C-alpha atoms as a PDB file:
ATOM      1  CA  MET A   1     102.886  82.447  23.193  1.00  0.00           C
ATOM      2  CA  GLU A   2     101.890  80.566  26.246  1.00  0.00           C
ATOM      3  CA  GLN A   3      99.356  81.076  28.927  1.00  0.00           C
ATOM      4  CA  VAL A   4     100.620  80.934  32.550  1.00  0.00           C
ATOM      5  CA  SER A   5      98.844  80.890  35.910  1.00  0.00           C
ATOM      6  CA  GLY A   6      99.389  83.542  38.492  1.00  0.00           C
ATOM      7  CA  ASN A   7      98.912  87.233  38.914  1.00  0.00           C
ATOM      8  CA  LEU A   8     101.342  89.676  37.300  1.00  0.00           C
ATOM      9  CA  SER A   9     103.221  86.709  35.829  1.00  0.00           C
ATOM     10  CA  ASP A  10     103.348  88.132  32.349  1.00  0.00           C
ATOM     11  CA  HIS A  11     106.869  87.956  30.887  1.00  0.00           C
ATOM     12  CA  TYR A  12     109.059  87.338  27.772  1.00  0.00           C
ATOM     13  CA  ASP A  13     111.602  84.500  28.290  1.00  0.00           C
ATOM     14  CA  PRO A  14     114.582  85.349  26.154  1.00  0.00           C
ATOM     15  CA  LYS A  15     116.239  81.990  26.944  1.00  0.00           C
ATOM     16  CA  HIS A  16     113.340  80.010  25.459  1.00  0.00           C
ATOM     17  CA  LYS A  17     112.130  82.714  23.112  1.00  0.00           C
ATOM     18  CA  VAL A  18     108.521  82.514  24.448  1.00  0.00           C
ATOM     19  CA  LEU A  19     106.057  85.145  25.545  1.00  0.00           C
ATOM     20  CA  ARG A  20     104.066  84.088  28.576  1.00  0.00           C
ATOM     21  CA  LEU A  21     100.843  85.825  29.530  1.00  0.00           C
ATOM     22  CA  SER A  22      98.924  85.441  32.781  1.00  0.00           C
ATOM     23  CA  ASP A  23      95.384  84.132  32.686  1.00  0.00           C
ATOM     24  CA  SER A  24      93.979  87.620  33.293  1.00  0.00           C
ATOM     25  CA  THR A  25      95.982  89.192  30.390  1.00  0.00           C
ATOM     26  CA  TYR A  26      95.551  86.241  28.060  1.00  0.00           C
ATOM     27  CA  HIS A  27      91.765  86.165  28.258  1.00  0.00           C
ATOM     28  CA  SER A  28      91.117  89.878  28.411  1.00  0.00           C
ATOM     29  CA  THR A  29      90.556  92.463  25.675  1.00  0.00           C
ATOM     30  CA  SER A  30      90.925  95.433  27.995  1.00  0.00           C
ATOM     31  CA  VAL A  31      93.228  98.344  27.113  1.00  0.00           C
ATOM     32  CA  ALA A  32      95.338  97.352  30.073  1.00  0.00           C
ATOM     33  CA  ALA A  33      95.726  93.726  28.902  1.00  0.00           C
ATOM     34  CA  VAL A  34      96.550  94.718  25.352  1.00  0.00           C
ATOM     35  CA  GLY A  35      99.153  97.215  26.743  1.00  0.00           C
ATOM     36  CA  VAL A  36     100.692  94.527  28.848  1.00  0.00           C
ATOM     37  CA  ALA A  37     100.799  92.006  26.054  1.00  0.00           C
ATOM     38  CA  ALA A  38     102.325  94.647  23.745  1.00  0.00           C
ATOM     39  CA  HIS A  39     104.973  95.486  26.403  1.00  0.00           C
ATOM     40  CA  GLU A  40     105.934  91.802  26.569  1.00  0.00           C
ATOM     41  CA  CYS A  41     106.141  91.808  22.786  1.00  0.00           C
ATOM     42  CA  GLY A  42     108.380  94.862  23.140  1.00  0.00           C
ATOM     43  CA  HIS A  43     110.801  92.513  25.035  1.00  0.00           C
ATOM     44  CA  ALA A  44     110.690  90.028  22.237  1.00  0.00           C
ATOM     45  CA  LEU A  45     111.485  92.772  19.765  1.00  0.00           C
ATOM     46  CA  GLN A  46     114.464  93.862  21.937  1.00  0.00           C
ATOM     47  CA  ASP A  47     115.693  90.273  21.810  1.00  0.00           C
ATOM     48  CA  ALA A  48     115.285  89.987  18.068  1.00  0.00           C
ATOM     49  CA  LYS A  49     117.092  93.244  17.552  1.00  0.00           C
ATOM     50  CA  GLY A  50     119.923  92.356  19.997  1.00  0.00           C
ATOM     51  CA  TYR A  51     119.156  95.189  22.392  1.00  0.00           C
ATOM     52  CA  ALA A  52     122.268  95.124  24.628  1.00  0.00           C
ATOM     53  CA  PRO A  53     120.624  96.087  27.970  1.00  0.00           C
ATOM     54  CA  LEU A  54     118.342  93.037  27.686  1.00  0.00           C
ATOM     55  CA  GLY A  55     121.356  90.808  27.210  1.00  0.00           C
ATOM     56  CA  ILE A  56     123.136  92.347  30.154  1.00  0.00           C
ATOM     57  CA  ARG A  57     119.984  92.064  32.360  1.00  0.00           C
ATOM     58  CA  SER A  58     119.634  88.389  31.311  1.00  0.00           C
ATOM     59  CA  ALA A  59     123.277  87.677  32.102  1.00  0.00           C
ATOM     60  CA  LEU A  60     122.770  89.314  35.551  1.00  0.00           C
ATOM     61  CA  VAL A  61     119.768  87.248  36.578  1.00  0.00           C
ATOM     62  CA  PRO A  62     121.630  84.305  38.162  1.00  0.00           C
ATOM     63  CA  ALA A  63     124.069  86.603  40.120  1.00  0.00           C
ATOM     64  CA  ALA A  64     121.390  88.968  41.082  1.00  0.00           C
ATOM     65  CA  ASN A  65     119.124  86.094  42.422  1.00  0.00           C
ATOM     66  CA  PHE A  66     122.016  84.571  44.306  1.00  0.00           C
ATOM     67  CA  GLY A  67     123.162  87.966  45.651  1.00  0.00           C
ATOM     68  CA  SER A  68     119.682  88.908  46.916  1.00  0.00           C
ATOM     69  CA  MET A  69     119.308  85.471  48.490  1.00  0.00           C
ATOM     70  CA  ILE A  70     122.633  85.285  50.306  1.00  0.00           C
ATOM     71  CA  ALA A  71     123.449  89.022  51.072  1.00  0.00           C
ATOM     72  CA  TRP A  72     121.357  89.421  54.168  1.00  0.00           C
ATOM     73  CA  PRO A  73     122.411  86.147  55.858  1.00  0.00           C
ATOM     74  CA  LEU A  74     126.072  87.175  55.299  1.00  0.00           C
ATOM     75  CA  ILE A  75     125.425  90.565  56.828  1.00  0.00           C
ATOM     76  CA  ILE A  76     123.668  89.090  59.864  1.00  0.00           C
ATOM     77  CA  ILE A  77     126.476  86.622  60.335  1.00  0.00           C
ATOM     78  CA  GLY A  78     128.900  89.625  60.172  1.00  0.00           C
ATOM     79  CA  LEU A  79     126.961  91.289  62.912  1.00  0.00           C
ATOM     80  CA  LEU A  80     127.561  88.270  65.130  1.00  0.00           C
ATOM     81  CA  PHE A  81     131.289  88.554  64.915  1.00  0.00           C
ATOM     82  CA  THR A  82     133.790  91.274  65.698  1.00  0.00           C
ATOM     83  CA  GLY A  83     136.958  92.543  64.010  1.00  0.00           C
ATOM     84  CA  GLU A  84     138.086  91.504  60.537  1.00  0.00           C
ATOM     85  CA  THR A  85     135.662  88.510  60.447  1.00  0.00           C
ATOM     86  CA  SER A  86     132.783  90.781  60.887  1.00  0.00           C
ATOM     87  CA  SER A  87     133.996  93.214  58.189  1.00  0.00           C
ATOM     88  CA  LEU A  88     134.631  90.323  55.840  1.00  0.00           C
ATOM     89  CA  PHE A  89     131.019  88.921  56.058  1.00  0.00           C
ATOM     90  CA  ILE A  90     129.432  92.390  56.012  1.00  0.00           C
ATOM     91  CA  ASN A  91     131.501  93.540  53.003  1.00  0.00           C
ATOM     92  CA  LEU A  92     130.700  90.336  51.083  1.00  0.00           C
ATOM     93  CA  GLY A  93     127.032  90.751  51.837  1.00  0.00           C
ATOM     94  CA  ILE A  94     127.224  94.397  50.604  1.00  0.00           C
ATOM     95  CA  ILE A  95     129.021  93.318  47.375  1.00  0.00           C
ATOM     96  CA  LEU A  96     126.403  90.662  46.695  1.00  0.00           C
ATOM     97  CA  PHE A  97     123.555  93.038  47.414  1.00  0.00           C
ATOM     98  CA  SER A  98     125.105  95.516  45.069  1.00  0.00           C
ATOM     99  CA  VAL A  99     124.662  92.999  42.212  1.00  0.00           C
ATOM    100  CA  SER A 100     120.946  93.033  42.847  1.00  0.00           C
ATOM    101  CA  VAL A 101     120.987  96.897  42.804  1.00  0.00           C
ATOM    102  CA  LEU A 102     122.901  96.746  39.471  1.00  0.00           C
ATOM    103  CA  PHE A 103     120.220  94.387  38.166  1.00  0.00           C
ATOM    104  CA  GLN A 104     117.475  96.914  39.169  1.00  0.00           C
ATOM    105  CA  LEU A 105     119.340  99.710  37.453  1.00  0.00           C
ATOM    106  CA  VAL A 106     119.893  97.747  34.235  1.00  0.00           C
ATOM    107  CA  THR A 107     116.206  96.793  34.255  1.00  0.00           C
ATOM    108  CA  LEU A 108     115.039 100.442  34.009  1.00  0.00           C
ATOM    109  CA  PRO A 109     116.145 101.135  30.412  1.00  0.00           C
ATOM    110  CA  VAL A 110     114.921  97.622  29.375  1.00  0.00           C
ATOM    111  CA  GLU A 111     111.488  98.276  30.684  1.00  0.00           C
ATOM    112  CA  PHE A 112     111.146 101.788  29.374  1.00  0.00           C
ATOM    113  CA  ASN A 113     112.397 100.714  25.941  1.00  0.00           C
ATOM    114  CA  ALA A 114     109.918  97.690  25.860  1.00  0.00           C
ATOM    115  CA  SER A 115     107.082 100.056  26.637  1.00  0.00           C
ATOM    116  CA  ARG A 116     108.231 102.558  23.985  1.00  0.00           C
ATOM    117  CA  ARG A 117     108.320  99.758  21.403  1.00  0.00           C
ATOM    118  CA  ALA A 118     104.877  98.511  22.552  1.00  0.00           C
ATOM    119  CA  LEU A 119     103.313 101.926  22.078  1.00  0.00           C
ATOM    120  CA  GLN A 120     105.086 102.361  18.708  1.00  0.00           C
ATOM    121  CA  VAL A 121     103.661  98.990  17.525  1.00  0.00           C
ATOM    122  CA  LEU A 122     100.181  99.725  18.849  1.00  0.00           C
ATOM    123  CA  GLY A 123     100.138 103.111  17.259  1.00  0.00           C
ATOM    124  CA  ASP A 124     101.499 101.946  13.880  1.00  0.00           C
ATOM    125  CA  SER A 125      99.078  99.084  13.702  1.00  0.00           C
ATOM    126  CA  ASN A 126      95.974 101.083  14.624  1.00  0.00           C
ATOM    127  CA  LEU A 127      94.869  98.356  17.037  1.00  0.00           C
ATOM    128  CA  LEU A 128      93.620 100.911  19.489  1.00  0.00           C
ATOM    129  CA  TYR A 129      91.618 104.116  19.180  1.00  0.00           C
ATOM    130  CA  GLU A 130      93.321 107.327  20.254  1.00  0.00           C
ATOM    131  CA  ASP A 131      91.581 107.330  23.654  1.00  0.00           C
ATOM    132  CA  GLU A 132      92.555 103.765  24.147  1.00  0.00           C
ATOM    133  CA  MET A 133      96.126 104.591  23.148  1.00  0.00           C
ATOM    134  CA  ARG A 134      96.107 107.275  25.991  1.00  0.00           C
ATOM    135  CA  GLY A 135      94.882 104.471  28.312  1.00  0.00           C
ATOM    136  CA  ALA A 136      97.621 102.089  27.294  1.00  0.00           C
ATOM    137  CA  ARG A 137     100.160 104.894  27.716  1.00  0.00           C
ATOM    138  CA  LYS A 138      98.948 105.437  31.301  1.00  0.00           C
ATOM    139  CA  VAL A 139      99.010 101.713  32.160  1.00  0.00           C
ATOM    140  CA  LEU A 140     102.580 101.347  30.758  1.00  0.00           C
ATOM    141  CA  SER A 141     103.775 104.523  32.482  1.00  0.00           C
ATOM    142  CA  ALA A 142     102.378 103.291  35.796  1.00  0.00           C
ATOM    143  CA  ALA A 143     104.018  99.936  35.330  1.00  0.00           C
ATOM    144  CA  ALA A 144     107.388 101.649  34.558  1.00  0.00           C
ATOM    145  CA  LEU A 145     107.078 103.640  37.768  1.00  0.00           C
ATOM    146  CA  THR A 146     107.016 100.451  39.811  1.00  0.00           C
ATOM    147  CA  TYR A 147     110.470  99.611  38.343  1.00  0.00           C
ATOM    148  CA  VAL A 148     111.680 103.094  39.276  1.00  0.00           C
ATOM    149  CA  ALA A 149     110.356 102.589  42.817  1.00  0.00           C
ATOM    150  CA  ALA A 150     112.016  99.181  43.050  1.00  0.00           C
ATOM    151  CA  ALA A 151     115.353 100.613  41.866  1.00  0.00           C
ATOM    152  CA  ALA A 152     115.105 103.574  44.275  1.00  0.00           C
ATOM    153  CA  ALA A 153     114.257 101.234  47.195  1.00  0.00           C
ATOM    154  CA  ALA A 154     117.216  98.926  46.362  1.00  0.00           C
ATOM    155  CA  ILE A 155     119.633 101.836  46.154  1.00  0.00           C
ATOM    156  CA  LEU A 156     118.340 103.236  49.488  1.00  0.00           C
ATOM    157  CA  GLN A 157     118.622  99.870  51.133  1.00  0.00           C
ATOM    158  CA  LEU A 158     122.235  99.530  49.834  1.00  0.00           C
ATOM    159  CA  LEU A 159     123.097 103.009  51.155  1.00  0.00           C
ATOM    160  CA  ARG A 160     121.532 102.123  54.512  1.00  0.00           C
ATOM    161  CA  ILE A 161     123.571  98.915  54.797  1.00  0.00           C
ATOM    162  CA  VAL A 162     126.777 100.856  53.821  1.00  0.00           C
ATOM    163  CA  LEU A 163     126.012 103.542  56.408  1.00  0.00           C
ATOM    164  CA  LEU A 164     125.228 101.118  59.186  1.00  0.00           C
ATOM    165  CA  SER A 165     128.385  99.025  58.453  1.00  0.00           C
ATOM    166  CA  GLY A 166     130.409 102.292  58.578  1.00  0.00           C
ATOM    167  CA  LYS A 167     128.957 103.162  61.937  1.00  0.00           C
ATOM    168  CA  ARG A 168     129.739  99.674  63.214  1.00  0.00           C
ATOM    169  CA  ARG A 169     133.372  99.987  62.354  1.00  0.00           C
ATOM    170  CA  ASN A 170     133.624 103.345  64.212  1.00  0.00           C
END
């Protein structure tokens, strides 16, 4: 386990097999901090058990990062051209953006499963009282909803790009 600077920088690194907790989580005994740390431990458990969606997500990271970085410039370049050149750039941008959307979708089961594992471990170990368990459950549910919102936003953005590119062709 390592301490890292930053806010909301807590994560498990499957490549280096290390759990990294932000300053605020690392130094806190709050129910929220315990829940976040347990959630990240849930990712370590996924890795140890060979949880397939975690492996898929890890494999998608480079492509998703590249796709999200280059998709919009390609789409904008496509808007500057006409005809087949325009369609080529826009379609390539849509395909690359789709990889980012796929990453968001694969992230959902990974995050929900890590939270489920975290709550299981916290419950089995009796680290928290029942009212604290309810608080941890609320924190982890709220965190999971941020991933749902991100996936929904990515899907809607992809749909918007596809619809706009279709209008442009007509």
